[in-house]
Structure formats: structure tokens, C-alpha cells
Amino acid sequence: MLLPALPERAYVYPLIDAALADMYAALAMARRTRKRAMLNFGAGWCGDCRVLYIYFHPGPNLELLPAYTVRMVDAVSETGARR
């Protein structure tokens, strides 16, 4: 199966400043909707993290995702500083 390509600097993760709020919002939404929360910690500059983004969005696992509240959480800034 051929996976869609991401542009070189595609927006994958929200800004690191929003990471904690995004995580709590995803957990709250999962609780409200009685779904599981899937938190993907990574960084926008990380190649492997960008590939995971493809798998969490329209792609080979699309039929599995309705059971989850999926949130991409930036754990490392563009400069490599850990959160």
C-alpha cells in the first residue's frame, strides 16, 4: 500500500507551548465521549514521528481510529529542547 507523502515542513504537531493543554483536552474529550485516548508524543522535525502522523490519519488505519481520541503532542521543540 502506498502511503501519502507529507510536504517537507508539514504541520504535524501543535506548538510545544500548547502541549500540556492539548494533552488534558484530549483526555477530557476521551472521557466525555467514552473513547480511549491515544497520545502520540513526538516532534515536528522527527522523521519517524512524521510517519506516525500518516498512520494516524487517512491511511491504512483509518477504520480503527473512530474508537480513539487521537492527539499529536509535541514533546521536543524545534531546537531539541525537551519539555
Protein backbone atom coordinates (compact mmCIF):
# COMPACT_ATOMS: atom_id res chain seq x y z
CA MET A 1 0.00 0.00 0.00
CA LEU A 2 1.37 3.40 -0.96
CA LEU A 3 1.21 5.98 1.83
CA PRO A 4 0.59 9.68 1.19
CA ALA A 5 3.66 11.91 1.34
CA LEU A 6 3.94 14.88 3.67
CA PRO A 7 5.34 18.18 2.45
CA GLU A 8 8.84 18.86 3.83
CA ARG A 9 7.67 21.18 6.65
CA ALA A 10 4.11 19.96 7.07
CA TYR A 11 2.31 20.96 10.27
CA VAL A 12 2.15 17.76 12.30
CA TYR A 13 2.39 18.74 15.97
CA PRO A 14 0.91 21.80 17.68
CA LEU A 15 3.32 24.30 19.22
CA ILE A 16 5.17 22.94 22.24
CA ASP A 17 3.68 25.72 24.40
CA ALA A 18 0.27 24.09 23.90
CA ALA A 19 1.41 20.51 24.63
CA LEU A 20 0.11 20.24 28.19
CA ALA A 21 -3.23 21.87 27.38
CA ASP A 22 -3.64 19.66 24.29
CA MET A 23 -2.97 16.55 26.33
CA TYR A 24 -5.52 17.46 29.00
CA ALA A 25 -8.08 18.43 26.34
CA ALA A 26 -7.66 15.05 24.62
CA LEU A 27 -8.09 13.19 27.90
CA ALA A 28 -11.20 15.21 28.76
CA MET A 29 -12.70 14.60 25.31
CA ALA A 30 -11.99 10.88 25.57
CA ARG A 31 -13.70 10.77 28.95
CA ARG A 32 -16.75 12.70 27.65
CA THR A 33 -17.11 10.55 24.52
CA ARG A 34 -16.23 7.28 26.30
CA LYS A 35 -13.34 6.63 23.93
CA ARG A 36 -9.73 5.74 24.53
CA ALA A 37 -7.16 8.50 24.31
CA MET A 38 -4.19 7.93 22.02
CA LEU A 39 -1.48 10.48 22.74
CA ASN A 40 1.41 10.48 20.29
CA PHE A 41 4.42 12.26 21.77
CA GLY A 42 6.99 13.41 19.25
CA ALA A 43 8.42 16.37 17.38
CA GLY A 44 7.74 18.02 14.06
CA TRP A 45 11.36 17.68 12.94
CA CYS A 46 11.46 13.92 13.68
CA GLY A 47 11.10 11.77 10.56
CA ASP A 48 9.68 8.75 12.42
CA CYS A 49 7.13 10.97 14.19
CA ARG A 50 6.00 12.37 10.84
CA VAL A 51 5.47 8.83 9.54
CA LEU A 52 3.30 8.04 12.58
CA TYR A 53 1.17 11.05 11.65
CA ILE A 54 0.42 9.38 8.33
CA TYR A 55 -0.70 6.22 10.11
CA PHE A 56 -2.97 8.17 12.49
CA HIS A 57 -4.78 9.99 9.68
CA PRO A 58 -6.45 8.96 6.43
CA GLY A 59 -4.43 5.91 5.61
CA PRO A 60 -4.17 2.23 6.44
CA ASN A 61 -5.57 2.50 9.98
CA LEU A 62 -8.49 4.80 9.27
CA GLU A 63 -11.12 2.21 10.24
CA LEU A 64 -9.55 1.80 13.72
CA LEU A 65 -9.45 5.48 14.64
CA PRO A 66 -13.13 6.17 15.49
CA ALA A 67 -12.62 4.26 18.77
CA TYR A 68 -9.95 6.76 19.86
CA THR A 69 -9.43 10.42 20.56
CA VAL A 70 -6.08 10.93 18.82
CA ARG A 71 -3.84 13.86 19.71
CA MET A 72 -0.33 14.63 18.49
CA VAL A 73 1.63 16.14 21.41
CA ASP A 74 4.90 17.99 20.82
CA ALA A 75 7.39 16.75 23.40
CA VAL A 76 10.51 18.35 21.92
CA SER A 77 10.85 21.83 20.49
CA GLU A 78 12.30 22.62 17.05
CA THR A 79 15.64 23.34 18.75
CA GLY A 80 15.71 19.98 20.51
CA ALA A 81 14.87 21.34 23.99
CA ARG A 82 12.86 18.80 25.94
CA ARG A 83 9.54 19.75 27.54
